[in-house]
Amino acid sequence: MKTQNHSVILFQKSQINYKSMDLKNGIGMLAPVVESPLSDSMGAGFITLEVAGFFEWQVLYDEILYVVSGTLIITQDNKVQKGEKGDIFFLKNGAKITYGTESSTEFFYSIYPANWREIHGLS
């Protein structure tokens, strides 16, 4: 990443660092790309799920998910939706979902607002 106080920043995939996610089911890696202090309003990055598994989540922000590879499966109210490479999900603030994969997947996420933990008293 090259910032140098520019308003256009290039993130090269080869320089993005992944860290382990604490998941009950499956193995996940998280790579935050856009976060504070770079942006106070948006968050973005990549998530990989390397082993089949599903977990419950309540979305406390608006979120866009772009499936980079594999299949991302999201279930809400018993409705199962499978996103393949190139597909995009929009998750509305407040959605209660289960998401995961039957094999492996990588997806790009973008969230607003980035400070959702602070807003909901979770930081």
Foldseek 3Di string as FASTA:
>chain_A
DDPPPDPDDDDDPVPFDWDWDDDPWFTKIWTKDDAPPNDQWKTKTKMKGAAFDKDKDFAQWKKKKAWQADWKWKDAPNDIDIDHHGDMDIDHHGTIIMMGHHGMTMIMMMTTGRVSCVVVVND
